[in-house]
Amino acid sequence: MNLSQLISSDYKKYKKYGGNFITIVFFTQGFWACFQYRIAHAVYKMSFPIVKQLLQGLCLFWQKGIEITTGISIPSSVQIGHSFYIGHFGGIILNAKTIIGDNCNISQGVTIGVSGLGEKRGVPRIGNNVYIGANAVLAGNIIVEDNVLIAACSLVNTNVTANGVMLGVPAIKVSEKSSEGYI
């Protein structure tokens, strides 16, 4: 997908959850962060070195403004699929090497970061149709497969198989009901 298609898919996802153009574009901090990320990521992938450096500098200042305003930190190097949704603003931190699939939802207070030692050190890779509840933490060189639901306030530091529902600290699989109904 190109940049305009990605922004459009994010916008349509926000519209699906309610709101009109004015509300989404001017009053929804999650959309602001997604929009800024999409532009910055497009610049990050540019192949014109001088123009890229100049624009990356501008995007970095824009990103810091979004972080201060919304409490959402999404570095330009993160890889996020289409139809990304941030439910509420505040306290969302994504490591620069984070990979998130298509059609995922993240709630407030989520941290996706580096953890582990040796070969277990790394950053999570998140599949498609994943819902991450409020204040959840995903850390380490783990794979979260498709259709997973991560409950609020859970710490996920192990691999999660498709359709799993994870709960607790550390999180354990409590069912195979998937993220259906949450996305």
C-alpha atoms as a PDB file:
ATOM      1  CA  MET A   1       0.000   0.000   0.000  1.00  0.00           C
ATOM      2  CA  ASN A   2       1.177   3.523  -0.681  1.00  0.00           C
ATOM      3  CA  LEU A   3       1.162   6.394   1.826  1.00  0.00           C
ATOM      4  CA  SER A   4      -2.269   7.767   0.954  1.00  0.00           C
ATOM      5  CA  GLN A   5      -3.830   4.287   1.093  1.00  0.00           C
ATOM      6  CA  LEU A   6      -2.301   3.649   4.532  1.00  0.00           C
ATOM      7  CA  ILE A   7      -3.557   6.985   5.886  1.00  0.00           C
ATOM      8  CA  SER A   8      -6.966   6.296   4.355  1.00  0.00           C
ATOM      9  CA  SER A   9      -7.126   2.821   5.938  1.00  0.00           C
ATOM     10  CA  ASP A  10      -6.279   4.313   9.350  1.00  0.00           C
ATOM     11  CA  TYR A  11      -8.902   7.031   8.895  1.00  0.00           C
ATOM     12  CA  LYS A  12     -11.567   4.472   7.890  1.00  0.00           C
ATOM     13  CA  LYS A  13     -10.775   2.442  11.011  1.00  0.00           C
ATOM     14  CA  TYR A  14     -11.241   5.523  13.211  1.00  0.00           C
ATOM     15  CA  LYS A  15     -14.476   6.324  11.368  1.00  0.00           C
ATOM     16  CA  LYS A  16     -15.695   2.775  12.006  1.00  0.00           C
ATOM     17  CA  TYR A  17     -15.421   3.415  15.764  1.00  0.00           C
ATOM     18  CA  GLY A  18     -17.484   6.588  15.464  1.00  0.00           C
ATOM     19  CA  GLY A  19     -16.880  10.193  14.660  1.00  0.00           C
ATOM     20  CA  ASN A  20     -16.899  12.403  11.638  1.00  0.00           C
ATOM     21  CA  PHE A  21     -14.084  14.060   9.715  1.00  0.00           C
ATOM     22  CA  ILE A  22     -13.815  17.068  12.041  1.00  0.00           C
ATOM     23  CA  THR A  23     -13.771  14.940  15.193  1.00  0.00           C
ATOM     24  CA  ILE A  24     -11.207  12.453  13.883  1.00  0.00           C
ATOM     25  CA  VAL A  25      -8.803  14.896  12.246  1.00  0.00           C
ATOM     26  CA  PHE A  26      -8.932  17.718  14.795  1.00  0.00           C
ATOM     27  CA  PHE A  27      -9.750  16.064  18.117  1.00  0.00           C
ATOM     28  CA  THR A  28      -8.457  12.475  18.039  1.00  0.00           C
ATOM     29  CA  GLN A  29      -4.899  12.318  19.359  1.00  0.00           C
ATOM     30  CA  GLY A  30      -4.434   8.677  18.334  1.00  0.00           C
ATOM     31  CA  PHE A  31      -5.120   9.620  14.728  1.00  0.00           C
ATOM     32  CA  TRP A  32      -2.657  12.514  14.960  1.00  0.00           C
ATOM     33  CA  ALA A  33       0.055  10.087  16.075  1.00  0.00           C
ATOM     34  CA  CYS A  34      -0.816   7.585  13.323  1.00  0.00           C
ATOM     35  CA  PHE A  35      -0.825  10.323  10.681  1.00  0.00           C
ATOM     36  CA  GLN A  36       2.529  11.724  11.826  1.00  0.00           C
ATOM     37  CA  TYR A  37       4.007   8.211  11.926  1.00  0.00           C
ATOM     38  CA  ARG A  38       2.817   7.432   8.359  1.00  0.00           C
ATOM     39  CA  ILE A  39       4.446  10.582   6.975  1.00  0.00           C
ATOM     40  CA  ALA A  40       7.674  10.060   8.982  1.00  0.00           C
ATOM     41  CA  HIS A  41       7.889   6.397   7.945  1.00  0.00           C
ATOM     42  CA  ALA A  42       7.507   7.359   4.272  1.00  0.00           C
ATOM     43  CA  VAL A  43      10.393   9.817   4.717  1.00  0.00           C
ATOM     44  CA  TYR A  44      12.402   7.125   6.569  1.00  0.00           C
ATOM     45  CA  LYS A  45      12.080   4.843   3.511  1.00  0.00           C
ATOM     46  CA  MET A  46      13.048   7.569   0.988  1.00  0.00           C
ATOM     47  CA  SER A  47      16.052   6.962  -1.244  1.00  0.00           C
ATOM     48  CA  PHE A  48      17.167  10.595  -1.805  1.00  0.00           C
ATOM     49  CA  PRO A  49      19.861  11.094   0.906  1.00  0.00           C
ATOM     50  CA  ILE A  50      19.981  14.915   1.163  1.00  0.00           C
ATOM     51  CA  VAL A  51      16.217  15.421   0.954  1.00  0.00           C
ATOM     52  CA  LYS A  52      15.694  12.483   3.310  1.00  0.00           C
ATOM     53  CA  GLN A  53      17.990  13.969   5.979  1.00  0.00           C
ATOM     54  CA  LEU A  54      16.291  17.359   5.837  1.00  0.00           C
ATOM     55  CA  LEU A  55      12.804  15.884   6.002  1.00  0.00           C
ATOM     56  CA  GLN A  56      13.808  13.449   8.772  1.00  0.00           C
ATOM     57  CA  GLY A  57      14.921  16.397  10.876  1.00  0.00           C
ATOM     58  CA  LEU A  58      11.542  18.088  10.380  1.00  0.00           C
ATOM     59  CA  CYS A  59       9.720  14.830  11.106  1.00  0.00           C
ATOM     60  CA  LEU A  60      11.707  14.357  14.305  1.00  0.00           C
ATOM     61  CA  PHE A  61      10.584  17.749  15.600  1.00  0.00           C
ATOM     62  CA  TRP A  62       7.007  16.922  14.549  1.00  0.00           C
ATOM     63  CA  GLN A  63       7.245  13.549  16.318  1.00  0.00           C
ATOM     64  CA  LYS A  64       8.478  15.220  19.523  1.00  0.00           C
ATOM     65  CA  GLY A  65       5.565  17.666  19.326  1.00  0.00           C
ATOM     66  CA  ILE A  66       3.137  14.747  18.969  1.00  0.00           C
ATOM     67  CA  GLU A  67       4.814  12.933  21.891  1.00  0.00           C
ATOM     68  CA  ILE A  68       4.486  15.996  24.126  1.00  0.00           C
ATOM     69  CA  THR A  69       0.892  16.664  23.057  1.00  0.00           C
ATOM     70  CA  THR A  70      -0.434  13.098  23.075  1.00  0.00           C
ATOM     71  CA  GLY A  71       1.956  10.952  25.103  1.00  0.00           C
ATOM     72  CA  ILE A  72       2.299   8.595  22.124  1.00  0.00           C
ATOM     73  CA  SER A  73       5.797   7.702  20.853  1.00  0.00           C
ATOM     74  CA  ILE A  74       6.021   5.966  17.476  1.00  0.00           C
ATOM     75  CA  PRO A  75       9.489   6.255  15.891  1.00  0.00           C
ATOM     76  CA  SER A  76       9.646   6.477  12.096  1.00  0.00           C
ATOM     77  CA  SER A  77      11.521   3.145  11.850  1.00  0.00           C
ATOM     78  CA  VAL A  78       8.633   1.140  13.350  1.00  0.00           C
ATOM     79  CA  GLN A  79       6.797  -1.064  10.816  1.00  0.00           C
ATOM     80  CA  ILE A  80       2.999  -0.940  11.102  1.00  0.00           C
ATOM     81  CA  GLY A  81       0.508  -2.504   8.695  1.00  0.00           C
ATOM     82  CA  HIS A  82      -2.678  -0.918   7.429  1.00  0.00           C
ATOM     83  CA  SER A  83      -5.758  -0.021   9.535  1.00  0.00           C
ATOM     84  CA  PHE A  84      -3.900   0.830  12.736  1.00  0.00           C
ATOM     85  CA  TYR A  85      -5.959   2.206  15.634  1.00  0.00           C
ATOM     86  CA  ILE A  86      -4.944   3.808  18.908  1.00  0.00           C
ATOM     87  CA  GLY A  87      -8.018   3.800  21.155  1.00  0.00           C
ATOM     88  CA  HIS A  88      -6.991   6.457  23.658  1.00  0.00           C
ATOM     89  CA  PHE A  89      -4.069   8.810  23.944  1.00  0.00           C
ATOM     90  CA  GLY A  90      -1.371   8.677  26.545  1.00  0.00           C
ATOM     91  CA  GLY A  91       1.579   6.609  27.642  1.00  0.00           C
ATOM     92  CA  ILE A  92       2.091   4.576  24.466  1.00  0.00           C
ATOM     93  CA  ILE A  93       5.733   3.715  23.782  1.00  0.00           C
ATOM     94  CA  LEU A  94       6.872   1.631  20.796  1.00  0.00           C
ATOM     95  CA  ASN A  95      10.504   0.569  20.411  1.00  0.00           C
ATOM     96  CA  ALA A  96      12.132   1.718  17.164  1.00  0.00           C
ATOM     97  CA  LYS A  97      12.402  -1.913  15.941  1.00  0.00           C
ATOM     98  CA  THR A  98       8.762  -2.834  16.629  1.00  0.00           C
ATOM     99  CA  ILE A  99       6.859  -4.666  13.882  1.00  0.00           C
ATOM    100  CA  ILE A 100       3.043  -4.619  13.963  1.00  0.00           C
ATOM    101  CA  GLY A 101       0.812  -6.331  11.410  1.00  0.00           C
ATOM    102  CA  ASP A 102      -2.419  -5.228   9.739  1.00  0.00           C
ATOM    103  CA  ASN A 103      -5.657  -4.216  11.457  1.00  0.00           C
ATOM    104  CA  CYS A 104      -4.328  -3.926  15.021  1.00  0.00           C
ATOM    105  CA  ASN A 105      -5.666  -1.928  17.971  1.00  0.00           C
ATOM    106  CA  ILE A 106      -3.640  -0.519  20.853  1.00  0.00           C
ATOM    107  CA  SER A 107      -5.074   1.016  24.012  1.00  0.00           C
ATOM    108  CA  GLN A 108      -3.555   3.629  26.306  1.00  0.00           C
ATOM    109  CA  GLY A 109      -0.500   2.897  28.416  1.00  0.00           C
ATOM    110  CA  VAL A 110       0.896   0.169  26.125  1.00  0.00           C
ATOM    111  CA  THR A 111       4.640  -0.401  25.975  1.00  0.00           C
ATOM    112  CA  ILE A 112       6.288  -2.542  23.310  1.00  0.00           C
ATOM    113  CA  GLY A 113       9.967  -2.750  24.082  1.00  0.00           C
ATOM    114  CA  VAL A 114      13.304  -4.489  24.148  1.00  0.00           C
ATOM    115  CA  SER A 115      14.123  -7.063  26.822  1.00  0.00           C
ATOM    116  CA  GLY A 116      15.939 -10.334  27.396  1.00  0.00           C
ATOM    117  CA  LEU A 117      19.515 -11.574  27.378  1.00  0.00           C
ATOM    118  CA  GLY A 118      21.608 -13.125  24.626  1.00  0.00           C
ATOM    119  CA  GLU A 119      19.549 -14.597  21.795  1.00  0.00           C
ATOM    120  CA  LYS A 120      16.344 -13.869  23.726  1.00  0.00           C
ATOM    121  CA  ARG A 121      17.087 -10.126  23.610  1.00  0.00           C
ATOM    122  CA  GLY A 122      14.967  -8.258  21.147  1.00  0.00           C
ATOM    123  CA  VAL A 123      11.683  -6.596  20.332  1.00  0.00           C
ATOM    124  CA  PRO A 124       8.262  -8.225  19.792  1.00  0.00           C
ATOM    125  CA  ARG A 125       6.866  -8.936  16.324  1.00  0.00           C
ATOM    126  CA  ILE A 126       3.101  -8.622  16.327  1.00  0.00           C
ATOM    127  CA  GLY A 127       0.815 -10.290  13.797  1.00  0.00           C
ATOM    128  CA  ASN A 128      -2.468  -9.211  12.211  1.00  0.00           C
ATOM    129  CA  ASN A 129      -5.756  -8.495  14.015  1.00  0.00           C
ATOM    130  CA  VAL A 130      -4.123  -8.159  17.432  1.00  0.00           C
ATOM    131  CA  TYR A 131      -5.800  -6.221  20.237  1.00  0.00           C
ATOM    132  CA  ILE A 132      -3.524  -4.935  23.017  1.00  0.00           C
ATOM    133  CA  GLY A 133      -5.396  -3.798  26.130  1.00  0.00           C
ATOM    134  CA  ALA A 134      -4.678  -0.824  28.376  1.00  0.00           C
ATOM    135  CA  ASN A 135      -1.350  -0.747  30.214  1.00  0.00           C
ATOM    136  CA  ALA A 136      -0.120  -4.002  28.676  1.00  0.00           C
ATOM    137  CA  VAL A 137       3.614  -4.541  28.218  1.00  0.00           C
ATOM    138  CA  LEU A 138       5.112  -6.694  25.451  1.00  0.00           C
ATOM    139  CA  ALA A 139       8.849  -7.189  25.804  1.00  0.00           C
ATOM    140  CA  GLY A 140      11.602  -9.377  24.399  1.00  0.00           C
ATOM    141  CA  ASN A 141      12.331 -11.292  21.222  1.00  0.00           C
ATOM    142  CA  ILE A 142       8.842 -12.779  20.972  1.00  0.00           C
ATOM    143  CA  ILE A 143       6.288 -13.438  18.264  1.00  0.00           C
ATOM    144  CA  VAL A 144       2.639 -12.605  18.817  1.00  0.00           C
ATOM    145  CA  GLU A 145       0.748 -14.436  16.076  1.00  0.00           C
ATOM    146  CA  ASP A 146      -2.522 -13.387  14.380  1.00  0.00           C
ATOM    147  CA  ASN A 147      -5.891 -12.775  16.065  1.00  0.00           C
ATOM    148  CA  VAL A 148      -4.456 -12.481  19.580  1.00  0.00           C
ATOM    149  CA  LEU A 149      -6.046 -10.568  22.441  1.00  0.00           C
ATOM    150  CA  ILE A 150      -3.757  -9.270  25.171  1.00  0.00           C
ATOM    151  CA  ALA A 151      -5.730  -8.285  28.254  1.00  0.00           C
ATOM    152  CA  ALA A 152      -5.244  -5.025  30.120  1.00  0.00           C
ATOM    153  CA  CYS A 153      -2.292  -4.822  32.535  1.00  0.00           C
ATOM    154  CA  SER A 154      -0.677  -7.993  31.184  1.00  0.00           C
ATOM    155  CA  LEU A 155       3.043  -8.612  30.738  1.00  0.00           C
ATOM    156  CA  VAL A 156       3.736 -10.685  27.636  1.00  0.00           C
ATOM    157  CA  ASN A 157       7.320 -11.947  27.433  1.00  0.00           C
ATOM    158  CA  THR A 158       6.809 -15.296  25.669  1.00  0.00           C
ATOM    159  CA  ASN A 159       5.566 -16.277  22.210  1.00  0.00           C
ATOM    160  CA  VAL A 160       1.801 -16.248  21.703  1.00  0.00           C
ATOM    161  CA  THR A 161       0.102 -18.640  19.277  1.00  0.00           C
ATOM    162  CA  ALA A 162      -2.730 -17.579  16.956  1.00  0.00           C
ATOM    163  CA  ASN A 163      -6.146 -16.867  18.511  1.00  0.00           C
ATOM    164  CA  GLY A 164      -4.732 -16.809  22.030  1.00  0.00           C
ATOM    165  CA  VAL A 165      -6.106 -14.675  24.847  1.00  0.00           C
ATOM    166  CA  MET A 166      -3.298 -13.658  27.202  1.00  0.00           C
ATOM    167  CA  LEU A 167      -3.855 -12.457  30.757  1.00  0.00           C
ATOM    168  CA  GLY A 168      -1.743 -11.736  33.815  1.00  0.00           C
ATOM    169  CA  VAL A 169       1.771 -10.924  34.980  1.00  0.00           C
ATOM    170  CA  PRO A 170       3.477 -12.754  33.456  1.00  0.00           C
ATOM    171  CA  ALA A 171       0.730 -13.403  30.932  1.00  0.00           C
ATOM    172  CA  ILE A 172      -0.579 -16.908  30.384  1.00  0.00           C
ATOM    173  CA  LYS A 173      -2.972 -18.155  27.724  1.00  0.00           C
ATOM    174  CA  VAL A 174      -6.449 -18.373  29.236  1.00  0.00           C
ATOM    175  CA  SER A 175      -8.426 -19.261  26.093  1.00  0.00           C
ATOM    176  CA  GLU A 176      -8.455 -19.518  22.305  1.00  0.00           C
ATOM    177  CA  LYS A 177     -11.354 -17.086  21.780  1.00  0.00           C
ATOM    178  CA  SER A 178      -9.140 -14.699  19.725  1.00  0.00           C
ATOM    179  CA  SER A 179      -9.479 -10.952  19.291  1.00  0.00           C
ATOM    180  CA  GLU A 180     -12.770 -11.213  17.409  1.00  0.00           C
ATOM    181  CA  GLY A 181     -15.163  -8.574  18.642  1.00  0.00           C
ATOM    182  CA  TYR A 182     -12.344  -6.361  19.918  1.00  0.00           C
ATOM    183  CA  ILE A 183     -11.043  -5.298  16.499  1.00  0.00           C
END
